[in-house]
Amino acid sequence: MKLILARFIHHAHTAIVAFSLTGWLLPTTEMLQIYVVIMVAIMGQWAVCDNKCILTIWEDKLRGNKAVPGSESFIGQVIFRLTGWKPSEKNIDRLSYSIGCACVLGAIIRIRLAPA
C-alpha cells in the first residue's frame, strides 16, 4: 500500500512540475493570479523545508528512503533522465528557484498586459 501511495505522489509531483512550468500560459487574469499565489507558496515551502519539496519528503518516507545530504531530488532525477546531466544539489536549487521566479515573472507580465 505504501508503494502505491508513493507512486501516486510521484505522478502527482510530475503533474505539479508540468503545471509549474506552463502555468504562466493560462488564459485568464484570474487563473494567472491563482498561479502566482501557488508558485509563491511552492517556493516558500521549498525554503522552509531546506530546499526539498514536501512531496519528495513524503515519497522518500513511503519508500523507506532516508533523506541524506546530497541525495537526489525529484528535479535532479528529471534533469538526469532528460539530459544525462547530473548537476549538484546546489545547482538544482538555483535552477529550480530561477525557473520558478521566471515563470512567476512571466505570469505577472501577462497579468499587467491583460486588457482591463
N, C-alpha and C. Protein backbone atom coordinates (compact mmCIF):
# COMPACT_ATOMS: atom_id res chain seq x y z
N MET A 1 0.82 -1.20 0.00
CA MET A 1 0.00 0.00 0.00
C MET A 1 0.87 1.26 0.00
N LYS A 2 1.97 1.23 0.76
CA LYS A 2 2.86 2.39 0.81
C LYS A 2 3.46 2.69 -0.56
N LEU A 3 3.83 1.63 -1.28
CA LEU A 3 4.42 1.84 -2.61
C LEU A 3 3.41 2.40 -3.60
N ILE A 4 2.15 1.99 -3.48
CA ILE A 4 1.10 2.54 -4.35
C ILE A 4 0.93 4.02 -4.07
N LEU A 5 0.89 4.38 -2.80
CA LEU A 5 0.76 5.79 -2.43
C LEU A 5 1.99 6.59 -2.87
N ALA A 6 3.17 6.01 -2.74
CA ALA A 6 4.40 6.67 -3.18
C ALA A 6 4.37 6.89 -4.69
N ARG A 7 3.88 5.92 -5.43
CA ARG A 7 3.78 6.06 -6.89
C ARG A 7 2.77 7.16 -7.25
N PHE A 8 1.65 7.19 -6.53
CA PHE A 8 0.65 8.24 -6.76
C PHE A 8 1.27 9.62 -6.51
N ILE A 9 2.00 9.76 -5.41
CA ILE A 9 2.65 11.03 -5.10
C ILE A 9 3.64 11.40 -6.19
N HIS A 10 4.39 10.41 -6.68
CA HIS A 10 5.36 10.66 -7.75
C HIS A 10 4.66 11.21 -9.00
N HIS A 11 3.55 10.61 -9.38
CA HIS A 11 2.81 11.07 -10.57
C HIS A 11 2.20 12.45 -10.33
N ALA A 12 1.67 12.68 -9.13
CA ALA A 12 1.13 14.00 -8.80
C ALA A 12 2.24 15.04 -8.85
N HIS A 13 3.41 14.68 -8.37
CA HIS A 13 4.57 15.58 -8.37
C HIS A 13 4.93 15.95 -9.81
N THR A 14 4.93 14.96 -10.69
CA THR A 14 5.22 15.20 -12.10
C THR A 14 4.21 16.18 -12.69
N ALA A 15 2.93 16.00 -12.37
CA ALA A 15 1.89 16.90 -12.88
C ALA A 15 2.08 18.31 -12.34
N ILE A 16 2.45 18.42 -11.08
CA ILE A 16 2.64 19.74 -10.47
C ILE A 16 3.84 20.44 -11.11
N VAL A 17 4.90 19.70 -11.38
CA VAL A 17 6.07 20.30 -12.05
C VAL A 17 5.67 20.80 -13.44
N ALA A 18 4.91 19.99 -14.18
CA ALA A 18 4.45 20.40 -15.51
C ALA A 18 3.60 21.66 -15.42
N PHE A 19 2.68 21.70 -14.44
CA PHE A 19 1.85 22.89 -14.23
C PHE A 19 2.72 24.09 -13.87
N SER A 20 3.71 23.88 -13.02
CA SER A 20 4.60 24.98 -12.60
C SER A 20 5.33 25.58 -13.79
N LEU A 21 5.72 24.75 -14.73
CA LEU A 21 6.48 25.22 -15.89
C LEU A 21 5.61 25.88 -16.95
N THR A 22 4.34 25.51 -17.01
CA THR A 22 3.48 26.00 -18.08
C THR A 22 2.34 26.90 -17.61
N GLY A 23 2.14 27.01 -16.31
CA GLY A 23 1.01 27.76 -15.77
C GLY A 23 1.00 29.23 -16.15
N TRP A 24 2.15 29.81 -16.43
CA TRP A 24 2.20 31.22 -16.81
C TRP A 24 1.52 31.47 -18.16
N LEU A 25 1.15 30.38 -18.84
CA LEU A 25 0.44 30.49 -20.12
C LEU A 25 -1.08 30.42 -19.97
N LEU A 26 -1.57 30.34 -18.74
CA LEU A 26 -3.01 30.24 -18.50
C LEU A 26 -3.73 31.42 -19.16
N PRO A 27 -4.98 31.20 -19.60
CA PRO A 27 -5.65 32.20 -20.45
C PRO A 27 -6.27 33.40 -19.75
N THR A 28 -6.60 33.32 -18.47
CA THR A 28 -7.30 34.45 -17.85
C THR A 28 -6.47 35.07 -16.72
N THR A 29 -6.75 36.33 -16.46
CA THR A 29 -6.05 37.05 -15.40
C THR A 29 -6.27 36.38 -14.06
N GLU A 30 -7.49 35.95 -13.79
CA GLU A 30 -7.80 35.31 -12.52
C GLU A 30 -6.99 34.03 -12.34
N MET A 31 -6.90 33.22 -13.39
CA MET A 31 -6.13 31.98 -13.32
C MET A 31 -4.64 32.28 -13.12
N LEU A 32 -4.16 33.32 -13.77
CA LEU A 32 -2.75 33.71 -13.61
C LEU A 32 -2.48 34.19 -12.18
N GLN A 33 -3.42 34.91 -11.60
CA GLN A 33 -3.25 35.36 -10.21
C GLN A 33 -3.18 34.17 -9.26
N ILE A 34 -4.04 33.19 -9.47
CA ILE A 34 -4.01 31.97 -8.65
C ILE A 34 -2.69 31.24 -8.85
N TYR A 35 -2.23 31.17 -10.10
CA TYR A 35 -0.95 30.53 -10.41
C TYR A 35 0.20 31.20 -9.65
N VAL A 36 0.22 32.52 -9.63
CA VAL A 36 1.28 33.25 -8.93
C VAL A 36 1.26 32.90 -7.44
N VAL A 37 0.09 32.87 -6.84
CA VAL A 37 -0.02 32.52 -5.42
C VAL A 37 0.48 31.10 -5.18
N ILE A 38 0.09 30.18 -6.04
CA ILE A 38 0.53 28.78 -5.90
C ILE A 38 2.05 28.68 -6.02
N MET A 39 2.62 29.37 -6.99
CA MET A 39 4.07 29.30 -7.20
C MET A 39 4.83 29.90 -6.02
N VAL A 40 4.34 31.01 -5.50
CA VAL A 40 4.99 31.62 -4.32
C VAL A 40 4.90 30.66 -3.14
N ALA A 41 3.76 29.99 -2.98
CA ALA A 41 3.59 29.02 -1.89
C ALA A 41 4.55 27.84 -2.08
N ILE A 42 4.69 27.35 -3.30
CA ILE A 42 5.60 26.24 -3.57
C ILE A 42 7.04 26.62 -3.22
N MET A 43 7.46 27.79 -3.70
CA MET A 43 8.84 28.20 -3.43
C MET A 43 9.06 28.51 -1.95
N GLY A 44 8.03 29.04 -1.30
CA GLY A 44 8.12 29.26 0.14
C GLY A 44 8.26 27.95 0.90
N GLN A 45 7.51 26.95 0.46
CA GLN A 45 7.58 25.63 1.09
C GLN A 45 8.98 25.02 0.90
N TRP A 46 9.57 25.19 -0.29
CA TRP A 46 10.94 24.71 -0.51
C TRP A 46 11.87 25.34 0.51
N ALA A 47 11.77 26.66 0.66
CA ALA A 47 12.66 27.38 1.57
C ALA A 47 12.50 26.88 3.01
N VAL A 48 11.28 26.65 3.43
CA VAL A 48 11.01 26.19 4.79
C VAL A 48 11.54 24.77 5.02
N CYS A 49 11.49 23.94 3.98
CA CYS A 49 11.88 22.52 4.10
C CYS A 49 13.29 22.27 3.57
N ASP A 50 14.19 23.22 3.73
CA ASP A 50 15.60 23.05 3.33
C ASP A 50 15.76 22.73 1.84
N ASN A 51 15.05 23.44 0.99
CA ASN A 51 15.10 23.27 -0.46
C ASN A 51 14.65 21.88 -0.91
N LYS A 52 13.78 21.27 -0.16
CA LYS A 52 13.18 19.97 -0.53
C LYS A 52 11.69 20.16 -0.64
N CYS A 53 11.10 19.55 -1.63
CA CYS A 53 9.65 19.59 -1.77
C CYS A 53 9.02 18.61 -0.79
N ILE A 54 7.92 19.00 -0.21
CA ILE A 54 7.24 18.13 0.75
C ILE A 54 6.82 16.82 0.08
N LEU A 55 6.51 16.86 -1.21
CA LEU A 55 6.14 15.63 -1.92
C LEU A 55 7.33 14.67 -2.01
N THR A 56 8.52 15.20 -2.23
CA THR A 56 9.72 14.37 -2.24
C THR A 56 9.95 13.75 -0.87
N ILE A 57 9.76 14.54 0.16
CA ILE A 57 9.94 14.05 1.53
C ILE A 57 8.96 12.92 1.81
N TRP A 58 7.68 13.12 1.45
CA TRP A 58 6.67 12.08 1.68
C TRP A 58 6.96 10.82 0.88
N GLU A 59 7.32 11.01 -0.40
CA GLU A 59 7.60 9.85 -1.24
C GLU A 59 8.78 9.06 -0.69
N ASP A 60 9.85 9.76 -0.31
CA ASP A 60 11.02 9.07 0.27
C ASP A 60 10.64 8.30 1.53
N LYS A 61 9.81 8.94 2.37
CA LYS A 61 9.40 8.28 3.61
C LYS A 61 8.59 7.02 3.31
N LEU A 62 7.67 7.10 2.36
CA LEU A 62 6.85 5.94 2.00
C LEU A 62 7.69 4.81 1.39
N ARG A 63 8.72 5.18 0.64
CA ARG A 63 9.57 4.17 0.01
C ARG A 63 10.66 3.66 0.96
N GLY A 64 10.76 4.28 2.13
CA GLY A 64 11.78 3.87 3.09
C GLY A 64 13.14 4.45 2.80
N ASN A 65 13.20 5.45 1.92
CA ASN A 65 14.48 6.11 1.61
C ASN A 65 14.80 7.10 2.71
N LYS A 66 15.99 7.06 3.18
CA LYS A 66 16.43 8.01 4.19
C LYS A 66 16.95 9.26 3.48
N ALA A 67 16.49 10.41 3.93
CA ALA A 67 16.96 11.66 3.34
C ALA A 67 18.36 11.95 3.86
N VAL A 68 19.30 11.97 2.96
CA VAL A 68 20.67 12.29 3.33
C VAL A 68 21.15 13.45 2.47
N PRO A 69 22.02 14.28 3.01
CA PRO A 69 22.53 15.39 2.20
C PRO A 69 23.15 14.86 0.92
N GLY A 70 22.81 15.50 -0.20
CA GLY A 70 23.35 15.08 -1.49
C GLY A 70 22.52 14.00 -2.16
N SER A 71 21.45 13.51 -1.48
CA SER A 71 20.61 12.51 -2.13
C SER A 71 19.87 13.19 -3.28
N GLU A 72 19.48 12.41 -4.24
CA GLU A 72 18.90 13.00 -5.44
C GLU A 72 17.51 13.55 -5.19
N SER A 73 17.29 14.76 -5.66
CA SER A 73 15.98 15.38 -5.57
C SER A 73 15.14 14.94 -6.75
N PHE A 74 13.86 15.20 -6.68
CA PHE A 74 12.95 14.88 -7.78
C PHE A 74 13.40 15.59 -9.05
N ILE A 75 13.67 16.88 -8.95
CA ILE A 75 14.09 17.66 -10.12
C ILE A 75 15.43 17.15 -10.65
N GLY A 76 16.34 16.79 -9.75
CA GLY A 76 17.62 16.23 -10.17
C GLY A 76 17.43 14.95 -10.99
N GLN A 77 16.49 14.11 -10.56
CA GLN A 77 16.21 12.88 -11.30
C GLN A 77 15.62 13.19 -12.67
N VAL A 78 14.73 14.17 -12.73
CA VAL A 78 14.12 14.55 -14.02
C VAL A 78 15.19 15.09 -14.97
N ILE A 79 16.05 15.97 -14.46
CA ILE A 79 17.12 16.54 -15.30
C ILE A 79 18.01 15.43 -15.83
N PHE A 80 18.37 14.49 -14.96
CA PHE A 80 19.25 13.41 -15.39
C PHE A 80 18.58 12.55 -16.46
N ARG A 81 17.29 12.22 -16.26
CA ARG A 81 16.58 11.38 -17.25
C ARG A 81 16.45 12.08 -18.60
N LEU A 82 16.26 13.41 -18.58
CA LEU A 82 16.07 14.14 -19.83
C LEU A 82 17.37 14.47 -20.55
N THR A 83 18.45 14.70 -19.78
CA THR A 83 19.68 15.21 -20.40
C THR A 83 20.92 14.35 -20.18
N GLY A 84 20.87 13.47 -19.18
CA GLY A 84 22.07 12.71 -18.84
C GLY A 84 23.03 13.50 -17.95
N TRP A 85 22.68 14.74 -17.64
CA TRP A 85 23.50 15.63 -16.81
C TRP A 85 23.09 15.44 -15.36
N LYS A 86 24.07 15.34 -14.47
CA LYS A 86 23.79 15.17 -13.05
C LYS A 86 24.35 16.37 -12.29
N PRO A 87 23.53 17.44 -12.20
CA PRO A 87 24.00 18.64 -11.51
C PRO A 87 24.04 18.45 -10.00
N SER A 88 24.82 19.28 -9.34
CA SER A 88 24.87 19.24 -7.88
C SER A 88 23.54 19.71 -7.31
N GLU A 89 23.28 19.36 -6.06
CA GLU A 89 22.04 19.81 -5.41
C GLU A 89 21.98 21.33 -5.35
N LYS A 90 23.11 21.97 -5.15
CA LYS A 90 23.15 23.44 -5.10
C LYS A 90 22.72 24.02 -6.46
N ASN A 91 23.21 23.42 -7.54
CA ASN A 91 22.82 23.90 -8.87
C ASN A 91 21.36 23.60 -9.17
N ILE A 92 20.86 22.47 -8.69
CA ILE A 92 19.44 22.15 -8.86
C ILE A 92 18.58 23.17 -8.12
N ASP A 93 18.99 23.52 -6.91
CA ASP A 93 18.25 24.53 -6.14
C ASP A 93 18.24 25.86 -6.89
N ARG A 94 19.40 26.28 -7.36
CA ARG A 94 19.49 27.54 -8.11
C ARG A 94 18.60 27.50 -9.36
N LEU A 95 18.68 26.41 -10.09
CA LEU A 95 17.89 26.26 -11.30
C LEU A 95 16.40 26.27 -10.98
N SER A 96 16.00 25.55 -9.95
CA SER A 96 14.58 25.47 -9.57
C SER A 96 14.03 26.85 -9.19
N TYR A 97 14.74 27.56 -8.35
CA TYR A 97 14.28 28.89 -7.94
C TYR A 97 14.30 29.86 -9.13
N SER A 98 15.33 29.78 -9.96
CA SER A 98 15.42 30.68 -11.12
C SER A 98 14.28 30.45 -12.09
N ILE A 99 14.01 29.20 -12.42
CA ILE A 99 12.91 28.90 -13.34
C ILE A 99 11.58 29.28 -12.70
N GLY A 100 11.42 28.98 -11.41
CA GLY A 100 10.18 29.35 -10.71
C GLY A 100 9.95 30.85 -10.75
N CYS A 101 10.99 31.61 -10.47
CA CYS A 101 10.87 33.07 -10.50
C CYS A 101 10.58 33.58 -11.91
N ALA A 102 11.22 32.98 -12.91
CA ALA A 102 10.98 33.38 -14.30
C ALA A 102 9.53 33.11 -14.69
N CYS A 103 8.99 31.98 -14.27
CA CYS A 103 7.59 31.66 -14.57
C CYS A 103 6.64 32.62 -13.88
N VAL A 104 6.92 32.96 -12.62
CA VAL A 104 6.10 33.93 -11.89
C VAL A 104 6.18 35.29 -12.59
N LEU A 105 7.38 35.69 -12.97
CA LEU A 105 7.55 36.96 -13.68
C LEU A 105 6.77 36.96 -14.99
N GLY A 106 6.82 35.85 -15.72
CA GLY A 106 6.05 35.74 -16.96
C GLY A 106 4.57 35.90 -16.71
N ALA A 107 4.06 35.29 -15.64
CA ALA A 107 2.64 35.41 -15.30
C ALA A 107 2.29 36.85 -14.92
N ILE A 108 3.16 37.49 -14.14
CA ILE A 108 2.91 38.87 -13.71
C ILE A 108 2.90 39.79 -14.92
N ILE A 109 3.82 39.60 -15.84
CA ILE A 109 3.86 40.42 -17.06
C ILE A 109 2.57 40.23 -17.85
N ARG A 110 2.12 38.99 -17.97
CA ARG A 110 0.87 38.73 -18.70
C ARG A 110 -0.33 39.36 -17.99
N ILE A 111 -0.33 39.35 -16.65
CA ILE A 111 -1.42 39.99 -15.89
C ILE A 111 -1.43 41.49 -16.17
N ARG A 112 -0.24 42.09 -16.13
CA ARG A 112 -0.12 43.54 -16.33
C ARG A 112 -0.49 43.96 -17.77
N LEU A 113 -0.23 43.07 -18.72
CA LEU A 113 -0.51 43.40 -20.14
C LEU A 113 -1.94 43.07 -20.54
N ALA A 114 -2.67 42.38 -19.67
CA ALA A 114 -4.05 42.00 -20.00
C ALA A 114 -4.92 43.24 -20.10
N PRO A 115 -5.84 43.24 -21.07
CA PRO A 115 -6.73 44.40 -21.18
C PRO A 115 -7.62 44.51 -19.93
N ALA A 116 -7.85 45.73 -19.52
CA ALA A 116 -8.64 45.98 -18.30
C ALA A 116 -10.11 45.78 -18.50
